[in-house]
Amino acid sequence: MTINTEQRQQQRHRERQQKVKEAVDAKVAAATEERGVLMVLTGNGKGKSTAGFGTVARAVGHGKQAAVVQFIKGNWDCGERKLLEANGVPFEVMATGFTWETQDREADTAAALKAWEAAERWLADPSIDLVLLDELTYMVSYHYLELERVLSALRQRPLHQHVIITGRNCHRQLIELADTVTELECVKHAFEAGVKAQPGFDF
């Protein structure tokens, strides 16, 4: 390869990157609104709760106040809960486990309502910067919680407050209300190959 060819390639690379930079800079300049974001993490892939808890950790690292409501998986030995509670993050845990284990709709509904009441308090509290509603989507799809009650609390929350909702099969009205929606797709999962869930990695 000659020096001239290398120089032309470098020049083309710089020109391409300059165009990318200009496009990104324009988007950054246009994003002037500052308010709370409603994020939905849904889909069949692994990592929805993990991503939600990661954002909670990020908020705490910036000195923000966060709160977490855990639906469905609340009776697990949760590493995120151990870490975050020790750093001042309050938790409300439904603590009934998976619905296919309890097989008790009345008890599950009562537990969901109790957990949701805590969520409503935090969603109305201007001192809370971020609320994680982990596995909330199931509570709506199973009709343990009224959709309109959930939507109302989300709409009326403090302007600056961020909310993250996780879980599969998110209701379309929650998706429509959300600012950011990410759908995680499962390509492969270790559990399907017989690898059990392990503390420190899966929970």
N, C-alpha and C. Protein backbone atom coordinates (compact mmCIF):
# COMPACT_ATOMS: atom_id res chain seq x y z
N MET A 1 0.85 -1.19 0.00
CA MET A 1 0.00 0.00 0.00
C MET A 1 0.89 1.25 0.00
N THR A 2 0.62 2.16 -0.90
CA THR A 2 1.43 3.37 -0.97
C THR A 2 1.02 4.36 0.10
N ILE A 3 1.92 5.32 0.35
CA ILE A 3 1.62 6.37 1.33
C ILE A 3 0.40 7.17 0.90
N ASN A 4 0.28 7.45 -0.39
CA ASN A 4 -0.86 8.22 -0.88
C ASN A 4 -2.19 7.50 -0.64
N THR A 5 -2.18 6.18 -0.83
CA THR A 5 -3.39 5.39 -0.59
C THR A 5 -3.76 5.43 0.89
N GLU A 6 -2.77 5.28 1.75
CA GLU A 6 -3.01 5.36 3.19
C GLU A 6 -3.56 6.73 3.57
N GLN A 7 -3.00 7.76 3.01
CA GLN A 7 -3.46 9.12 3.31
C GLN A 7 -4.90 9.32 2.87
N ARG A 8 -5.25 8.80 1.69
CA ARG A 8 -6.63 8.95 1.21
C ARG A 8 -7.61 8.20 2.12
N GLN A 9 -7.20 7.00 2.58
CA GLN A 9 -8.06 6.25 3.48
C GLN A 9 -8.25 6.97 4.80
N GLN A 10 -7.16 7.55 5.31
CA GLN A 10 -7.25 8.32 6.55
C GLN A 10 -8.17 9.53 6.37
N GLN A 11 -8.03 10.20 5.22
CA GLN A 11 -8.86 11.36 4.95
C GLN A 11 -10.34 10.99 4.87
N ARG A 12 -10.63 9.88 4.18
CA ARG A 12 -12.03 9.43 4.09
C ARG A 12 -12.58 9.06 5.47
N HIS A 13 -11.72 8.42 6.28
CA HIS A 13 -12.14 8.06 7.63
C HIS A 13 -12.45 9.32 8.44
N ARG A 14 -11.59 10.32 8.37
CA ARG A 14 -11.84 11.57 9.11
C ARG A 14 -13.13 12.23 8.65
N GLU A 15 -13.36 12.22 7.35
CA GLU A 15 -14.58 12.85 6.81
C GLU A 15 -15.83 12.12 7.30
N ARG A 16 -15.79 10.78 7.31
CA ARG A 16 -16.94 10.01 7.80
C ARG A 16 -17.19 10.29 9.28
N GLN A 17 -16.11 10.28 10.07
CA GLN A 17 -16.26 10.51 11.50
C GLN A 17 -16.71 11.93 11.80
N GLN A 18 -16.30 12.88 10.98
CA GLN A 18 -16.74 14.26 11.17
C GLN A 18 -18.24 14.37 10.94
N LYS A 19 -18.77 13.66 9.95
CA LYS A 19 -20.20 13.67 9.69
C LYS A 19 -20.97 13.04 10.86
N VAL A 20 -20.41 11.94 11.39
CA VAL A 20 -21.03 11.30 12.56
C VAL A 20 -21.05 12.27 13.74
N LYS A 21 -19.92 12.94 13.97
CA LYS A 21 -19.82 13.90 15.07
C LYS A 21 -20.83 15.03 14.92
N GLU A 22 -20.98 15.54 13.73
CA GLU A 22 -21.92 16.63 13.49
C GLU A 22 -23.36 16.19 13.76
N ALA A 23 -23.69 14.96 13.36
CA ALA A 23 -25.04 14.45 13.59
C ALA A 23 -25.30 14.27 15.09
N VAL A 24 -24.31 13.71 15.80
CA VAL A 24 -24.46 13.51 17.25
C VAL A 24 -24.55 14.86 17.96
N ASP A 25 -23.68 15.80 17.60
CA ASP A 25 -23.69 17.12 18.23
C ASP A 25 -25.04 17.82 18.03
N ALA A 26 -25.63 17.64 16.85
CA ALA A 26 -26.93 18.27 16.58
C ALA A 26 -28.01 17.69 17.47
N LYS A 27 -27.98 16.37 17.68
CA LYS A 27 -28.97 15.73 18.55
C LYS A 27 -28.79 16.17 20.00
N VAL A 28 -27.54 16.27 20.44
CA VAL A 28 -27.26 16.73 21.81
C VAL A 28 -27.76 18.15 22.00
N ALA A 29 -27.52 19.01 21.02
CA ALA A 29 -27.95 20.40 21.11
C ALA A 29 -29.47 20.53 21.12
N ALA A 30 -30.15 19.61 20.43
CA ALA A 30 -31.61 19.67 20.35
C ALA A 30 -32.29 19.13 21.60
N ALA A 31 -31.58 18.33 22.39
CA ALA A 31 -32.17 17.73 23.60
C ALA A 31 -32.01 18.69 24.77
N THR A 32 -32.96 19.61 24.90
CA THR A 32 -32.87 20.66 25.92
C THR A 32 -33.83 20.45 27.09
N GLU A 33 -34.82 19.57 26.91
CA GLU A 33 -35.82 19.36 27.96
C GLU A 33 -35.23 18.50 29.08
N GLU A 34 -35.46 18.92 30.32
CA GLU A 34 -34.97 18.15 31.46
C GLU A 34 -36.16 17.76 32.34
N ARG A 35 -36.47 16.49 32.37
CA ARG A 35 -37.58 15.96 33.16
C ARG A 35 -37.37 14.48 33.40
N GLY A 36 -38.21 13.92 34.25
CA GLY A 36 -38.12 12.50 34.53
C GLY A 36 -38.47 11.66 33.32
N VAL A 37 -37.81 10.52 33.20
CA VAL A 37 -38.01 9.60 32.08
C VAL A 37 -38.70 8.34 32.58
N LEU A 38 -39.71 7.90 31.85
CA LEU A 38 -40.34 6.61 32.11
C LEU A 38 -39.75 5.60 31.14
N MET A 39 -39.07 4.60 31.69
CA MET A 39 -38.41 3.58 30.88
C MET A 39 -39.06 2.22 31.11
N VAL A 40 -39.27 1.50 30.02
CA VAL A 40 -39.79 0.13 30.08
C VAL A 40 -38.73 -0.81 29.54
N LEU A 41 -38.42 -1.84 30.31
CA LEU A 41 -37.50 -2.90 29.88
C LEU A 41 -38.32 -4.18 29.81
N THR A 42 -38.58 -4.65 28.60
CA THR A 42 -39.47 -5.78 28.42
C THR A 42 -38.85 -6.77 27.44
N GLY A 43 -39.62 -7.79 27.07
CA GLY A 43 -39.12 -8.82 26.17
C GLY A 43 -38.78 -10.10 26.90
N ASN A 44 -38.45 -11.14 26.13
CA ASN A 44 -38.20 -12.47 26.68
C ASN A 44 -36.74 -12.72 27.07
N GLY A 45 -35.88 -11.76 26.79
CA GLY A 45 -34.46 -11.95 27.09
C GLY A 45 -34.11 -11.70 28.55
N LYS A 46 -33.01 -12.31 28.97
CA LYS A 46 -32.50 -12.12 30.32
C LYS A 46 -31.87 -10.73 30.44
N GLY A 47 -32.01 -10.10 31.62
CA GLY A 47 -31.29 -8.86 31.87
C GLY A 47 -32.15 -7.64 32.14
N LYS A 48 -33.47 -7.79 32.16
CA LYS A 48 -34.35 -6.64 32.37
C LYS A 48 -34.19 -6.08 33.78
N SER A 49 -34.34 -6.94 34.77
CA SER A 49 -34.16 -6.48 36.16
C SER A 49 -32.73 -6.03 36.41
N THR A 50 -31.78 -6.77 35.84
CA THR A 50 -30.37 -6.42 36.01
C THR A 50 -30.10 -5.01 35.50
N ALA A 51 -30.66 -4.67 34.34
CA ALA A 51 -30.48 -3.32 33.80
C ALA A 51 -31.15 -2.29 34.68
N GLY A 52 -32.33 -2.63 35.19
CA GLY A 52 -33.03 -1.70 36.08
C GLY A 52 -32.24 -1.43 37.34
N PHE A 53 -31.73 -2.48 37.96
CA PHE A 53 -30.93 -2.31 39.18
C PHE A 53 -29.62 -1.58 38.89
N GLY A 54 -29.07 -1.78 37.72
CA GLY A 54 -27.86 -1.05 37.35
C GLY A 54 -28.10 0.45 37.31
N THR A 55 -29.27 0.85 36.81
CA THR A 55 -29.60 2.26 36.77
C THR A 55 -29.85 2.81 38.17
N VAL A 56 -30.45 1.99 39.04
CA VAL A 56 -30.61 2.41 40.44
C VAL A 56 -29.24 2.65 41.08
N ALA A 57 -28.31 1.73 40.84
CA ALA A 57 -26.95 1.90 41.38
C ALA A 57 -26.30 3.17 40.84
N ARG A 58 -26.52 3.44 39.58
CA ARG A 58 -25.98 4.67 38.97
C ARG A 58 -26.54 5.90 39.66
N ALA A 59 -27.85 5.91 39.90
CA ALA A 59 -28.49 7.05 40.56
C ALA A 59 -27.92 7.26 41.96
N VAL A 60 -27.79 6.16 42.71
CA VAL A 60 -27.25 6.25 44.06
C VAL A 60 -25.82 6.77 44.03
N GLY A 61 -25.06 6.34 43.04
CA GLY A 61 -23.69 6.82 42.90
C GLY A 61 -23.60 8.32 42.68
N HIS A 62 -24.66 8.90 42.13
CA HIS A 62 -24.71 10.35 41.92
C HIS A 62 -25.40 11.08 43.07
N GLY A 63 -25.64 10.37 44.16
CA GLY A 63 -26.25 11.00 45.32
C GLY A 63 -27.75 11.17 45.22
N LYS A 64 -28.39 10.46 44.29
CA LYS A 64 -29.84 10.53 44.12
C LYS A 64 -30.53 9.55 45.06
N GLN A 65 -31.80 9.83 45.35
CA GLN A 65 -32.59 8.94 46.19
C GLN A 65 -33.44 8.04 45.31
N ALA A 66 -33.31 6.75 45.50
CA ALA A 66 -34.07 5.77 44.72
C ALA A 66 -34.88 4.88 45.66
N ALA A 67 -35.91 4.25 45.08
CA ALA A 67 -36.73 3.29 45.82
C ALA A 67 -37.09 2.16 44.87
N VAL A 68 -37.28 0.96 45.44
CA VAL A 68 -37.52 -0.23 44.62
C VAL A 68 -38.73 -0.99 45.14
N VAL A 69 -39.61 -1.36 44.21
CA VAL A 69 -40.70 -2.29 44.53
C VAL A 69 -40.46 -3.55 43.71
N GLN A 70 -40.37 -4.69 44.40
CA GLN A 70 -40.15 -5.97 43.73
C GLN A 70 -41.42 -6.80 43.75
N PHE A 71 -41.92 -7.11 42.56
CA PHE A 71 -43.06 -7.99 42.41
C PHE A 71 -42.56 -9.37 41.97
N ILE A 72 -43.25 -10.41 42.35
CA ILE A 72 -43.03 -11.80 41.91
C ILE A 72 -41.76 -12.44 42.49
N LYS A 73 -40.58 -11.89 42.22
CA LYS A 73 -39.34 -12.58 42.62
C LYS A 73 -38.86 -12.15 44.00
N GLY A 74 -39.72 -11.53 44.78
CA GLY A 74 -39.28 -10.90 46.01
C GLY A 74 -38.80 -11.80 47.12
N ASN A 75 -39.03 -13.12 47.03
CA ASN A 75 -38.55 -13.99 48.11
C ASN A 75 -37.19 -14.61 47.81
N TRP A 76 -36.56 -14.17 46.70
CA TRP A 76 -35.21 -14.65 46.40
C TRP A 76 -34.19 -13.94 47.27
N ASP A 77 -33.05 -14.59 47.49
CA ASP A 77 -31.91 -13.96 48.16
C ASP A 77 -31.25 -13.03 47.15
N CYS A 78 -31.67 -11.77 47.16
CA CYS A 78 -31.33 -10.84 46.08
C CYS A 78 -30.07 -10.03 46.42
N GLY A 79 -29.02 -10.24 45.63
CA GLY A 79 -27.77 -9.53 45.87
C GLY A 79 -27.91 -8.03 45.70
N GLU A 80 -28.72 -7.59 44.72
CA GLU A 80 -28.93 -6.16 44.51
C GLU A 80 -29.58 -5.53 45.74
N ARG A 81 -30.52 -6.23 46.33
CA ARG A 81 -31.21 -5.69 47.51
C ARG A 81 -30.24 -5.52 48.67
N LYS A 82 -29.40 -6.52 48.87
CA LYS A 82 -28.41 -6.43 49.96
C LYS A 82 -27.53 -5.20 49.79
N LEU A 83 -27.06 -4.99 48.58
CA LEU A 83 -26.16 -3.86 48.30
C LEU A 83 -26.88 -2.52 48.42
N LEU A 84 -28.04 -2.42 47.81
CA LEU A 84 -28.72 -1.13 47.73
C LEU A 84 -29.36 -0.71 49.07
N GLU A 85 -29.93 -1.67 49.79
CA GLU A 85 -30.48 -1.32 51.11
C GLU A 85 -29.39 -0.81 52.04
N ALA A 86 -28.20 -1.37 51.92
CA ALA A 86 -27.08 -0.90 52.75
C ALA A 86 -26.65 0.50 52.36
N ASN A 87 -27.09 0.97 51.19
CA ASN A 87 -26.76 2.31 50.73
C ASN A 87 -27.99 3.22 50.70
N GLY A 88 -28.97 2.90 51.55
CA GLY A 88 -30.08 3.81 51.78
C GLY A 88 -31.25 3.71 50.84
N VAL A 89 -31.33 2.65 50.03
CA VAL A 89 -32.44 2.50 49.10
C VAL A 89 -33.54 1.65 49.75
N PRO A 90 -34.73 2.23 49.95
CA PRO A 90 -35.82 1.43 50.55
C PRO A 90 -36.42 0.46 49.54
N PHE A 91 -36.81 -0.70 50.03
CA PHE A 91 -37.44 -1.74 49.20
C PHE A 91 -38.82 -2.07 49.75
N GLU A 92 -39.76 -2.32 48.86
CA GLU A 92 -41.02 -2.97 49.20
C GLU A 92 -41.05 -4.26 48.40
N VAL A 93 -41.16 -5.37 49.09
CA VAL A 93 -41.02 -6.68 48.45
C VAL A 93 -42.33 -7.44 48.57
N MET A 94 -42.89 -7.82 47.42
CA MET A 94 -44.13 -8.57 47.40
C MET A 94 -43.97 -9.92 48.11
N ALA A 95 -42.82 -10.56 47.90
CA ALA A 95 -42.37 -11.71 48.70
C ALA A 95 -43.28 -12.93 48.65
N THR A 96 -44.08 -13.05 47.60
CA THR A 96 -44.88 -14.27 47.46
C THR A 96 -44.24 -15.26 46.51
N GLY A 97 -43.19 -14.85 45.81
CA GLY A 97 -42.55 -15.73 44.85
C GLY A 97 -43.31 -15.76 43.53
N PHE A 98 -43.00 -16.74 42.72
CA PHE A 98 -43.63 -16.86 41.40
C PHE A 98 -45.07 -17.32 41.53
N THR A 99 -45.95 -16.78 40.68
CA THR A 99 -47.37 -17.09 40.79
C THR A 99 -47.68 -18.56 40.52
N TRP A 100 -46.84 -19.21 39.71
CA TRP A 100 -47.10 -20.63 39.45
C TRP A 100 -46.72 -21.50 40.66
N GLU A 101 -46.00 -20.91 41.62
CA GLU A 101 -45.69 -21.63 42.86
C GLU A 101 -46.79 -21.43 43.90
N THR A 102 -47.30 -20.19 44.03
CA THR A 102 -48.32 -19.93 45.04
C THR A 102 -49.67 -20.52 44.64
N GLN A 103 -50.04 -20.36 43.36
CA GLN A 103 -51.31 -20.86 42.85
C GLN A 103 -52.49 -20.38 43.69
N ASP A 104 -52.36 -19.15 44.20
CA ASP A 104 -53.39 -18.58 45.07
C ASP A 104 -53.66 -17.15 44.60
N ARG A 105 -54.64 -16.99 43.73
CA ARG A 105 -54.91 -15.69 43.12
C ARG A 105 -55.29 -14.64 44.16
N GLU A 106 -56.10 -15.02 45.12
CA GLU A 106 -56.55 -14.05 46.12
C GLU A 106 -55.38 -13.53 46.93
N ALA A 107 -54.50 -14.43 47.38
CA ALA A 107 -53.34 -14.01 48.17
C ALA A 107 -52.38 -13.19 47.33
N ASP A 108 -52.18 -13.60 46.07
CA ASP A 108 -51.28 -12.86 45.19
C ASP A 108 -51.80 -11.45 44.93
N THR A 109 -53.11 -11.33 44.72
CA THR A 109 -53.71 -10.02 44.47
C THR A 109 -53.54 -9.11 45.67
N ALA A 110 -53.78 -9.66 46.87
CA ALA A 110 -53.62 -8.86 48.09
C ALA A 110 -52.17 -8.41 48.27
N ALA A 111 -51.23 -9.31 47.98
CA ALA A 111 -49.81 -8.96 48.10
C ALA A 111 -49.41 -7.92 47.07
N ALA A 112 -49.94 -8.04 45.85
CA ALA A 112 -49.65 -7.07 44.81
C ALA A 112 -50.18 -5.69 45.18
N LEU A 113 -51.38 -5.64 45.74
CA LEU A 113 -51.96 -4.36 46.15
C LEU A 113 -51.16 -3.71 47.26
N LYS A 114 -50.69 -4.51 48.20
CA LYS A 114 -49.87 -3.97 49.29
C LYS A 114 -48.58 -3.38 48.75
N ALA A 115 -47.94 -4.11 47.84
CA ALA A 115 -46.71 -3.60 47.24
C ALA A 115 -46.98 -2.34 46.41
N TRP A 116 -48.09 -2.34 45.70
CA TRP A 116 -48.41 -1.18 44.86
C TRP A 116 -48.71 0.07 45.69
N GLU A 117 -49.28 -0.12 46.87
CA GLU A 117 -49.53 1.04 47.75
C GLU A 117 -48.22 1.73 48.12
N ALA A 118 -47.17 0.95 48.34
CA ALA A 118 -45.85 1.54 48.59
C ALA A 118 -45.36 2.26 47.35
N ALA A 119 -45.58 1.64 46.18
CA ALA A 119 -45.17 2.28 44.93
C ALA A 119 -45.87 3.61 44.76
N GLU A 120 -47.16 3.67 45.05
CA GLU A 120 -47.91 4.92 44.91
C GLU A 120 -47.36 6.01 45.83
N ARG A 121 -46.98 5.62 47.04
CA ARG A 121 -46.40 6.62 47.96
C ARG A 121 -45.11 7.19 47.38
N TRP A 122 -44.26 6.33 46.87
CA TRP A 122 -42.98 6.79 46.32
C TRP A 122 -43.17 7.56 45.02
N LEU A 123 -44.16 7.16 44.22
CA LEU A 123 -44.43 7.87 42.97
C LEU A 123 -45.03 9.26 43.21
N ALA A 124 -45.48 9.51 44.43
CA ALA A 124 -46.02 10.83 44.78
C ALA A 124 -45.04 11.65 45.62
N ASP A 125 -43.87 11.09 45.89
CA ASP A 125 -42.90 11.71 46.81
C ASP A 125 -41.82 12.45 46.01
N PRO A 126 -41.79 13.77 46.07
CA PRO A 126 -40.79 14.52 45.30
C PRO A 126 -39.36 14.33 45.77
N SER A 127 -39.16 13.73 46.93
CA SER A 127 -37.79 13.47 47.39
C SER A 127 -37.19 12.23 46.74
N ILE A 128 -38.01 11.43 46.07
CA ILE A 128 -37.54 10.22 45.39
C ILE A 128 -37.24 10.56 43.93
N ASP A 129 -36.00 10.36 43.52
CA ASP A 129 -35.58 10.70 42.16
C ASP A 129 -35.83 9.57 41.16
N LEU A 130 -35.82 8.33 41.65
CA LEU A 130 -35.97 7.18 40.76
C LEU A 130 -36.72 6.06 41.47
N VAL A 131 -37.72 5.51 40.78
CA VAL A 131 -38.47 4.37 41.32
C VAL A 131 -38.34 3.21 40.33
N LEU A 132 -37.88 2.07 40.82
CA LEU A 132 -37.83 0.85 40.03
C LEU A 132 -39.02 -0.02 40.39
N LEU A 133 -39.85 -0.34 39.39
CA LEU A 133 -41.01 -1.20 39.57
C LEU A 133 -40.68 -2.53 38.88
N ASP A 134 -40.00 -3.38 39.61
CA ASP A 134 -39.45 -4.61 39.05
C ASP A 134 -40.53 -5.66 38.89
N GLU A 135 -40.73 -6.14 37.66
CA GLU A 135 -41.72 -7.16 37.29
C GLU A 135 -43.16 -6.64 37.40
N LEU A 136 -43.35 -5.35 37.30
CA LEU A 136 -44.70 -4.78 37.36
C LEU A 136 -45.59 -5.28 36.24
N THR A 137 -45.02 -5.56 35.08
CA THR A 137 -45.84 -5.92 33.91
C THR A 137 -46.74 -7.12 34.19
N TYR A 138 -46.26 -8.06 34.99
CA TYR A 138 -47.06 -9.24 35.30
C TYR A 138 -48.29 -8.88 36.13
N MET A 139 -48.14 -7.92 37.02
CA MET A 139 -49.25 -7.53 37.88
C MET A 139 -50.40 -6.95 37.06
N VAL A 140 -50.05 -6.29 35.96
CA VAL A 140 -51.07 -5.74 35.08
C VAL A 140 -51.66 -6.84 34.19
N SER A 141 -50.81 -7.67 33.60
CA SER A 141 -51.32 -8.70 32.67
C SER A 141 -52.12 -9.78 33.40
N TYR A 142 -51.82 -10.03 34.68
CA TYR A 142 -52.58 -10.99 35.46
C TYR A 142 -53.81 -10.36 36.11
N HIS A 143 -53.98 -9.04 35.93
CA HIS A 143 -55.11 -8.30 36.49
C HIS A 143 -55.10 -8.27 38.01
N TYR A 144 -53.92 -8.32 38.59
CA TYR A 144 -53.80 -8.12 40.03
C TYR A 144 -53.90 -6.64 40.36
N LEU A 145 -53.49 -5.80 39.42
CA LEU A 145 -53.58 -4.35 39.58
C LEU A 145 -54.38 -3.78 38.42
N GLU A 146 -55.16 -2.72 38.70
CA GLU A 146 -55.92 -2.07 37.65
C GLU A 146 -54.98 -1.21 36.81
N LEU A 147 -55.06 -1.39 35.51
CA LEU A 147 -54.19 -0.65 34.60
C LEU A 147 -54.33 0.85 34.78
N GLU A 148 -55.54 1.35 34.87
CA GLU A 148 -55.75 2.80 34.96
C GLU A 148 -55.16 3.37 36.25
N ARG A 149 -55.20 2.60 37.33
CA ARG A 149 -54.61 3.04 38.59
C ARG A 149 -53.09 3.19 38.43
N VAL A 150 -52.49 2.25 37.73
CA VAL A 150 -51.05 2.32 37.48
C VAL A 150 -50.72 3.51 36.59
N LEU A 151 -51.46 3.67 35.50
CA LEU A 151 -51.21 4.77 34.58
C LEU A 151 -51.38 6.12 35.27
N SER A 152 -52.39 6.23 36.10
CA SER A 152 -52.65 7.49 36.80
C SER A 152 -51.49 7.88 37.70
N ALA A 153 -50.98 6.92 38.46
CA ALA A 153 -49.85 7.21 39.35
C ALA A 153 -48.61 7.61 38.57
N LEU A 154 -48.39 6.98 37.44
CA LEU A 154 -47.23 7.31 36.60
C LEU A 154 -47.37 8.71 36.00
N ARG A 155 -48.57 9.04 35.56
CA ARG A 155 -48.79 10.36 34.94
C ARG A 155 -48.66 11.49 35.96
N GLN A 156 -49.05 11.23 37.20
CA GLN A 156 -49.12 12.29 38.21
C GLN A 156 -47.85 12.39 39.06
N ARG A 157 -46.85 11.61 38.76
CA ARG A 157 -45.63 11.64 39.57
C ARG A 157 -44.92 12.99 39.42
N PRO A 158 -44.00 13.31 40.35
CA PRO A 158 -43.24 14.56 40.24
C PRO A 158 -42.52 14.66 38.90
N LEU A 159 -42.43 15.87 38.37
CA LEU A 159 -41.92 16.08 37.03
C LEU A 159 -40.50 15.55 36.84
N HIS A 160 -39.68 15.63 37.88
CA HIS A 160 -38.27 15.25 37.75
C HIS A 160 -38.04 13.75 37.94
N GLN A 161 -39.05 13.02 38.40
CA GLN A 161 -38.86 11.64 38.85
C GLN A 161 -38.77 10.65 37.68
N HIS A 162 -37.73 9.83 37.71
CA HIS A 162 -37.56 8.75 36.73
C HIS A 162 -38.23 7.48 37.25
N VAL A 163 -38.76 6.68 36.33
CA VAL A 163 -39.37 5.40 36.69
C VAL A 163 -38.91 4.35 35.70
N ILE A 164 -38.58 3.17 36.21
CA ILE A 164 -38.22 2.03 35.37
C ILE A 164 -39.19 0.89 35.67
N ILE A 165 -39.80 0.37 34.62
CA ILE A 165 -40.70 -0.78 34.72
C ILE A 165 -40.05 -1.96 34.00
N THR A 166 -40.01 -3.11 34.67
CA THR A 166 -39.46 -4.30 34.03
C THR A 166 -40.50 -5.41 33.96
N GLY A 167 -40.25 -6.35 33.06
CA GLY A 167 -41.10 -7.54 32.96
C GLY A 167 -41.51 -7.83 31.53
N ARG A 168 -41.89 -9.07 31.28
CA ARG A 168 -42.32 -9.49 29.95
C ARG A 168 -43.73 -8.99 29.63
N ASN A 169 -44.04 -9.00 28.35
CA ASN A 169 -45.41 -8.75 27.87
C ASN A 169 -45.99 -7.46 28.44
N CYS A 170 -45.26 -6.40 28.31
CA CYS A 170 -45.72 -5.12 28.83
C CYS A 170 -46.97 -4.65 28.08
N HIS A 171 -47.94 -4.16 28.83
CA HIS A 171 -49.19 -3.68 28.23
C HIS A 171 -48.91 -2.53 27.28
N ARG A 172 -49.62 -2.50 26.17
CA ARG A 172 -49.36 -1.50 25.13
C ARG A 172 -49.54 -0.08 25.64
N GLN A 173 -50.46 0.14 26.60
CA GLN A 173 -50.67 1.50 27.10
C GLN A 173 -49.49 1.97 27.95
N LEU A 174 -48.83 1.06 28.63
CA LEU A 174 -47.62 1.41 29.36
C LEU A 174 -46.50 1.73 28.37
N ILE A 175 -46.43 0.97 27.29
CA ILE A 175 -45.43 1.23 26.26
C ILE A 175 -45.68 2.58 25.60
N GLU A 176 -46.93 2.89 25.33
CA GLU A 176 -47.27 4.18 24.73
C GLU A 176 -46.92 5.35 25.65
N LEU A 177 -47.12 5.17 26.95
CA LEU A 177 -46.83 6.23 27.92
C LEU A 177 -45.33 6.43 28.11
N ALA A 178 -44.56 5.37 27.94
CA ALA A 178 -43.12 5.42 28.23
C ALA A 178 -42.38 6.34 27.26
N ASP A 179 -41.26 6.87 27.76
CA ASP A 179 -40.36 7.68 26.94
C ASP A 179 -39.33 6.79 26.23
N THR A 180 -38.87 5.78 26.94
CA THR A 180 -37.85 4.87 26.42
C THR A 180 -38.33 3.44 26.62
N VAL A 181 -38.30 2.66 25.56
CA VAL A 181 -38.70 1.25 25.64
C VAL A 181 -37.61 0.40 25.00
N THR A 182 -37.12 -0.57 25.76
CA THR A 182 -36.14 -1.52 25.23
C THR A 182 -36.71 -2.92 25.36
N GLU A 183 -36.68 -3.67 24.26
CA GLU A 183 -37.15 -5.04 24.27
C GLU A 183 -35.95 -5.97 24.15
N LEU A 184 -35.72 -6.76 25.18
CA LEU A 184 -34.60 -7.69 25.19
C LEU A 184 -35.02 -9.01 24.55
N GLU A 185 -34.25 -9.46 23.60
CA GLU A 185 -34.54 -10.70 22.88
C GLU A 185 -33.64 -11.82 23.39
N CYS A 186 -34.23 -12.99 23.60
CA CYS A 186 -33.45 -14.15 24.04
C CYS A 186 -32.91 -14.89 22.81
N VAL A 187 -31.61 -14.92 22.71
CA VAL A 187 -30.96 -15.69 21.64
C VAL A 187 -30.57 -17.07 22.18
N LYS A 188 -29.96 -17.10 23.34
CA LYS A 188 -29.62 -18.34 24.05
C LYS A 188 -29.75 -18.07 25.54
N HIS A 189 -30.04 -19.12 26.31
CA HIS A 189 -30.11 -18.98 27.76
C HIS A 189 -29.52 -20.23 28.40
N ALA A 190 -28.62 -20.03 29.33
CA ALA A 190 -27.94 -21.15 29.98
C ALA A 190 -28.90 -22.12 30.66
N PHE A 191 -30.00 -21.59 31.21
CA PHE A 191 -30.97 -22.44 31.90
C PHE A 191 -31.53 -23.52 30.98
N GLU A 192 -31.73 -23.16 29.70
CA GLU A 192 -32.26 -24.13 28.74
C GLU A 192 -31.26 -25.25 28.46
N ALA A 193 -30.00 -25.03 28.77
CA ALA A 193 -28.98 -26.06 28.60
C ALA A 193 -28.71 -26.80 29.90
N GLY A 194 -29.55 -26.53 30.91
CA GLY A 194 -29.43 -27.25 32.18
C GLY A 194 -28.55 -26.58 33.21
N VAL A 195 -28.14 -25.34 32.98
CA VAL A 195 -27.32 -24.62 33.95
C VAL A 195 -28.24 -23.90 34.94
N LYS A 196 -28.11 -24.18 36.22
CA LYS A 196 -29.02 -23.61 37.21
C LYS A 196 -28.68 -22.15 37.50
N ALA A 197 -29.68 -21.43 38.01
CA ALA A 197 -29.48 -20.03 38.41
C ALA A 197 -28.52 -19.98 39.60
N GLN A 198 -27.58 -19.04 39.57
CA GLN A 198 -26.50 -19.01 40.56
C GLN A 198 -26.39 -17.64 41.23
N PRO A 199 -26.19 -17.63 42.57
CA PRO A 199 -26.06 -16.36 43.28
C PRO A 199 -24.82 -15.59 42.80
N GLY A 200 -24.96 -14.29 42.73
CA GLY A 200 -23.85 -13.46 42.27
C GLY A 200 -23.80 -13.28 40.78
N PHE A 201 -24.62 -14.05 40.06
CA PHE A 201 -24.70 -13.90 38.61
C PHE A 201 -26.15 -13.74 38.17
N ASP A 202 -27.01 -14.63 38.62
CA ASP A 202 -28.44 -14.60 38.25
C ASP A 202 -29.30 -13.86 39.25
N PHE A 203 -28.86 -13.81 40.50
CA PHE A 203 -29.64 -13.11 41.53
C PHE A 203 -28.73 -12.68 42.67
